[in-house]
Each structure stands twice: as structure tokens, then as C-alpha cells.
Protein backbone atom coordinates (compact mmCIF):
# COMPACT_ATOMS: atom_id res chain seq x y z
CA UNK A 1 95.46 -125.13 -13.46
CA UNK A 2 97.48 -128.33 -12.92
CA UNK A 3 97.33 -130.56 -16.00
CA UNK A 4 96.14 -133.56 -13.94
CA UNK A 5 93.44 -131.65 -12.08
CA UNK A 6 90.51 -132.96 -14.13
CA UNK A 7 91.62 -136.54 -13.47
CA UNK A 8 91.75 -136.03 -9.69
CA UNK A 9 88.99 -133.41 -9.28
CA UNK A 10 86.46 -135.95 -7.91
CA UNK A 11 88.87 -137.72 -5.55
CA UNK A 12 88.85 -135.20 -2.69
CA UNK A 13 85.89 -136.65 -0.73
CA UNK A 14 87.11 -140.23 -1.16
CA UNK A 15 90.56 -139.21 0.04
CA UNK A 16 89.20 -137.55 3.18
CA UNK A 17 86.99 -140.57 3.94
CA UNK A 18 89.87 -142.99 3.39
CA UNK A 19 88.10 -144.73 0.52
CA UNK A 20 91.03 -144.68 -1.91
CA UNK A 21 93.26 -147.66 -2.48
CA UNK A 22 96.90 -147.42 -1.48
CA UNK A 23 98.00 -146.81 -5.05
CA UNK A 24 95.30 -144.18 -5.71
CA UNK A 25 96.04 -142.47 -2.40
CA UNK A 26 99.75 -142.19 -3.24
CA UNK A 27 98.92 -140.81 -6.70
CA UNK A 28 96.47 -138.28 -5.26
CA UNK A 29 98.94 -137.11 -2.61
CA UNK A 30 101.58 -136.59 -5.28
CA UNK A 31 99.02 -134.53 -7.22
CA UNK A 32 98.19 -132.43 -4.13
CA UNK A 33 101.76 -131.15 -4.03
CA UNK A 34 101.19 -129.33 -7.33
CA UNK A 35 97.43 -128.59 -7.28
CA UNK A 36 96.22 -125.71 -5.10
CA UNK A 37 92.54 -126.28 -5.95
CA UNK A 38 92.58 -129.86 -4.69
CA UNK A 39 94.42 -128.81 -1.53
CA UNK A 40 91.67 -126.26 -0.87
CA UNK A 41 89.00 -128.92 -1.45
CA UNK A 42 90.66 -131.24 1.07
CA UNK A 43 90.76 -128.44 3.62
CA UNK A 44 87.02 -127.84 3.18
CA UNK A 45 86.12 -131.50 3.53
CA UNK A 46 88.42 -132.31 6.44
CA UNK A 47 85.79 -131.47 9.13
CA UNK A 48 83.71 -134.42 7.89
CA UNK A 49 86.05 -136.76 9.75
CA UNK A 50 85.26 -134.97 12.99
CA UNK A 51 81.53 -135.26 12.34
CA UNK A 52 81.80 -138.98 11.72
CA UNK A 53 83.59 -139.39 15.04
CA UNK A 54 80.38 -138.27 16.76
CA UNK A 55 78.46 -141.35 15.58
CA UNK A 56 77.34 -143.41 18.61
CA UNK A 57 79.28 -146.69 19.05
CA UNK A 58 76.10 -148.83 18.85
CA UNK A 59 75.11 -147.12 15.65
CA UNK A 60 78.57 -147.67 14.22
CA UNK A 61 78.58 -151.39 15.11
CA UNK A 62 75.16 -151.74 13.51
CA UNK A 63 76.46 -150.28 10.28
CA UNK A 64 79.42 -152.68 10.32
CA UNK A 65 77.20 -155.72 10.88
CA UNK A 66 74.90 -154.61 8.08
CA UNK A 67 77.87 -154.39 5.75
CA UNK A 68 79.01 -157.93 6.70
CA UNK A 69 75.58 -159.37 5.86
CA UNK A 70 75.40 -157.70 2.50
CA UNK A 71 77.61 -158.42 -0.45
CA UNK A 72 79.40 -155.11 0.14
CA UNK A 73 78.74 -151.61 -1.11
CA UNK A 74 78.12 -151.16 -4.78
CA UNK A 75 81.25 -149.59 -6.29
CA UNK A 76 79.29 -147.50 -8.76
CA UNK A 77 77.01 -146.21 -6.01
CA UNK A 78 80.06 -145.32 -3.85
CA UNK A 79 81.54 -143.38 -6.76
CA UNK A 80 78.25 -141.51 -7.26
CA UNK A 81 78.08 -140.53 -3.58
CA UNK A 82 81.69 -139.36 -3.51
CA UNK A 83 81.16 -137.31 -6.66
CA UNK A 84 77.96 -135.82 -5.21
CA UNK A 85 79.82 -134.81 -2.04
CA UNK A 86 82.58 -133.19 -4.07
CA UNK A 87 80.10 -131.24 -6.21
CA UNK A 88 78.23 -130.02 -3.13
CA UNK A 89 81.50 -128.94 -1.53
CA UNK A 90 82.42 -126.90 -4.59
CA UNK A 91 78.96 -125.32 -4.66
CA UNK A 92 79.36 -124.33 -0.99
CA UNK A 93 82.72 -122.75 -1.73
CA UNK A 94 81.27 -120.78 -4.65
CA UNK A 95 78.32 -119.65 -2.53
CA UNK A 96 80.67 -118.53 0.24
CA UNK A 97 82.71 -116.46 -2.19
CA UNK A 98 79.51 -114.86 -3.51
CA UNK A 99 78.36 -113.93 -0.01
CA UNK A 100 81.73 -112.38 0.86
CA UNK A 101 81.70 -110.41 -2.39
CA UNK A 102 78.17 -109.15 -1.71
CA UNK A 103 79.11 -108.03 1.81
CA UNK A 104 82.19 -106.26 0.49
CA UNK A 105 80.04 -104.43 -2.08
CA UNK A 106 77.66 -103.29 0.66
CA UNK A 107 80.52 -102.03 2.82
CA UNK A 108 81.93 -100.08 -0.12
CA UNK A 109 78.54 -98.65 -1.09
CA UNK A 110 77.46 -97.54 2.39
CA UNK A 111 79.65 -94.79 3.88
CA UNK A 112 80.42 -95.06 7.59
CA UNK A 113 80.17 -91.79 9.46
CA UNK A 114 82.00 -91.57 12.79
CA UNK A 115 81.30 -88.56 14.95
CA UNK A 116 83.97 -87.67 17.48
CA UNK A 117 82.90 -85.31 20.25
CA UNK A 118 85.75 -83.28 21.65
CA UNK A 119 85.60 -82.68 25.43
CA UNK A 120 85.01 -79.07 26.44
CA UNK A 121 87.86 -77.45 28.40
CA UNK A 122 88.10 -74.16 30.26
CA UNK A 123 91.35 -72.56 31.45
CA UNK A 124 91.03 -70.45 34.61
CA UNK A 125 93.80 -68.29 36.07
CA UNK A 126 94.11 -68.54 39.85
CA UNK A 127 94.20 -65.32 41.87
CA UNK A 128 96.50 -64.88 44.89
CA UNK A 129 94.82 -64.76 48.27
CA UNK A 130 97.90 -64.32 50.43
CA UNK A 131 101.43 -63.15 49.78
CA UNK A 132 102.89 -66.48 48.67
CA UNK A 133 105.05 -66.12 45.52
CA UNK A 134 102.88 -68.40 43.37
CA UNK A 135 101.47 -68.19 39.83
CA UNK A 136 98.98 -70.86 38.82
CA UNK A 137 96.20 -71.79 36.41
CA UNK A 138 93.84 -74.74 36.12
CA UNK A 139 92.28 -76.33 33.05
CA UNK A 140 88.89 -77.95 33.63
CA UNK A 141 87.74 -80.66 31.23
CA UNK A 142 84.28 -82.15 31.53
CA UNK A 143 84.40 -85.94 31.21
CA UNK A 144 81.89 -88.76 31.68
CA UNK A 145 82.83 -89.33 35.31
CA UNK A 146 83.05 -85.65 36.36
CA UNK A 147 85.84 -83.13 35.79
CA UNK A 148 89.52 -83.58 35.01
CA UNK A 149 91.69 -80.81 36.46
CA UNK A 150 95.13 -80.06 34.99
CA UNK A 151 97.08 -77.54 37.07
CA UNK A 152 100.31 -75.63 36.48
CA UNK A 153 101.84 -73.88 39.49
CA UNK A 154 105.11 -71.91 39.45
CA UNK A 155 106.83 -71.10 42.74
CA UNK A 156 108.91 -67.91 42.69
CA UNK A 157 111.40 -66.53 45.20
CA UNK A 158 110.04 -65.21 48.51
CA UNK A 159 111.30 -64.21 51.93
CA UNK A 160 112.26 -67.83 52.47
CA UNK A 161 113.28 -70.24 49.74
CA UNK A 162 112.77 -73.37 51.80
CA UNK A 163 110.72 -76.25 50.46
CA UNK A 164 106.97 -75.91 50.90
CA UNK A 165 104.07 -78.34 50.61
CA UNK A 166 100.76 -77.55 48.96
CA UNK A 167 97.31 -79.12 48.61
CA UNK A 168 94.79 -78.75 45.75
CA UNK A 169 91.27 -78.48 47.16
CA UNK A 170 87.94 -78.38 45.30
CA UNK A 171 84.85 -76.91 46.94
CA UNK A 172 81.42 -77.80 45.53
CA UNK A 173 78.46 -75.45 45.35
CA UNK A 174 76.94 -77.18 48.39
CA UNK A 175 80.08 -76.50 50.46
CA UNK A 176 81.57 -80.00 50.21
CA UNK A 177 85.39 -79.87 50.12
CA UNK A 178 87.68 -82.49 48.53
CA UNK A 179 91.48 -82.56 48.72
CA UNK A 180 92.55 -83.85 45.30
CA UNK A 181 96.34 -83.78 45.35
CA UNK A 182 99.41 -82.68 47.31
CA UNK A 183 102.89 -81.74 46.13
CA UNK A 184 106.04 -79.98 47.29
CA UNK A 185 107.98 -77.20 45.63
CA UNK A 186 111.17 -75.19 46.04
CA UNK A 187 111.98 -71.72 44.78
CA UNK A 188 112.10 -71.49 41.00
CA UNK A 189 110.30 -74.80 40.41
CA UNK A 190 107.11 -75.46 38.43
CA UNK A 191 104.64 -78.20 39.31
CA UNK A 192 102.29 -79.78 36.77
CA UNK A 193 99.71 -82.27 37.91
CA UNK A 194 96.40 -83.84 36.88
CA UNK A 195 93.59 -84.74 39.25
CA UNK A 196 89.90 -85.49 39.04
CA UNK A 197 86.65 -84.94 40.85
CA UNK A 198 83.20 -86.47 40.54
CA UNK A 199 81.67 -82.98 40.47
CA UNK A 200 80.71 -81.59 37.06
CA UNK A 201 82.26 -78.21 36.16
CA UNK A 202 79.01 -76.35 36.93
CA UNK A 203 78.94 -77.95 40.40
CA UNK A 204 82.34 -76.56 41.40
CA UNK A 205 82.32 -73.31 43.43
CA UNK A 206 86.08 -72.87 43.78
CA UNK A 207 89.48 -74.47 43.43
CA UNK A 208 92.13 -73.59 46.03
CA UNK A 209 95.85 -74.04 46.48
CA UNK A 210 96.36 -74.30 50.23
CA UNK A 211 99.36 -74.68 52.49
CA UNK A 212 99.58 -78.31 53.56
CA UNK A 213 101.13 -77.13 56.83
CA UNK A 214 98.71 -74.42 57.96
CA UNK A 215 95.67 -75.01 55.75
CA UNK A 216 95.69 -71.36 54.64
CA UNK A 217 94.29 -70.55 51.20
CA UNK A 218 97.11 -69.18 49.02
CA UNK A 219 95.44 -69.04 45.58
CA UNK A 220 91.88 -69.48 44.38
CA UNK A 221 89.98 -69.84 41.13
CA UNK A 222 86.42 -68.65 41.75
CA UNK A 223 83.68 -68.30 40.85
CA UNK A 224 83.50 -71.02 38.15
CA UNK A 225 80.58 -72.26 36.07
CA UNK A 226 77.21 -72.10 37.78
CA UNK A 227 78.39 -69.87 40.59
């Protein structure tokens, strides 16, 4: 603790309110440079100035007129009020520390259990329907909005190695079809893509890879869940 702290311990409220004389203010500011406790007290009391600024102008003028009529505030009474404010401020700080300590003790004493639910995924190999040189599989992951579909499709060498275009199509149990994604591939290439559908896994009847040019089904994963 700073050696001069006891001398200046009750000056914080008066300093914030501007009630110190010029000499006392200079002395207190010099003390603040070395005293962390008094700096903290000033920080706690600083909002008082903002509260005083909310006083209505008429009310403020009334207080000034009342002071002019009287012989002036009693110095001893002013000192008592300043000291009372300082003591209350310190009590509030101590109470705040106690509350924080109590909350910390509760957080330490009560374990927090977090349950993480892993999404369920199913990998399905796709079977060839035609003679296209394709090998593919799809991974179905049930999510909150439906099903995420991750597909891997390898294009081998066939009678013609020209570039081809494909479409991923999902068919629901009620016959509704949805084209989810399109891509192009050349011989020896592998395509990896992710798509999504609003259908749940058990609402999907089949997943097709179709030729984007002719619409022919080249590979199919079926039946799936619920079929």
C-alpha cells in the first residue's frame, strides 16, 4: 500500500465532485500516480458526474439560489457526506467482489455436461445400369434440414474418351424427382461433390447418375431406407 494512502483515502468522492481546493487537488493527483487503490476508487465514482448532469436546469438553479441565501454549506457536514460516499463506494466494491467469488465457486462446483450428437451417415455403393465406365458411391447424412449427399464418381476408359456431362438425381418415395447437381468428366478423372435434399433418408427411393445429354440412367443406388 502507498504510504500516503491513509491520508488521501477519503478524498476520492470530493475529487470527483470537484470539491477540493486547487492545492489539495494537485496533491491528490500526485498521490494517484502511485496509489492503485485510489485510482480504482476514482474509476468507481466517476459515473456520479454523469448522474448529476441529468438534474433538470430549474432544479439546479433552485439549488444555487438556496445556497446564495444561506451562509454556505457547513464544512464539517460536507466532509461527513464525502466520507459517507467514500465508505459506501468501498462497501459496494467489496460486495461486488464477494458476488463474483460466489458465482465462481458455483461454476466450479457444478459440472457442465455437453452432449454432442453425431449425425448418422450411410455409405451406399451405386450399381451400373448401362455400360458406362463409371464407379460411384454416395454417403447419406441425415441433417436438420433433410439429407446431405456426398458423392464420389470415377470415370474410367470406354469406347470413347471424350468429355461427358452427368446429373445427380434423387427420386422420393412418392415419385418426385429432383436434379441436385451436374458435372463433367473425362477419362481417368474422379469427381467429388456434395449436394442436399429436403427429403429425409427414409423418404428417398433412389439416387441416380444420369447422362445430362440423353437423360439415361447410368448408375443407381436403390432401394435405400424405407423402400
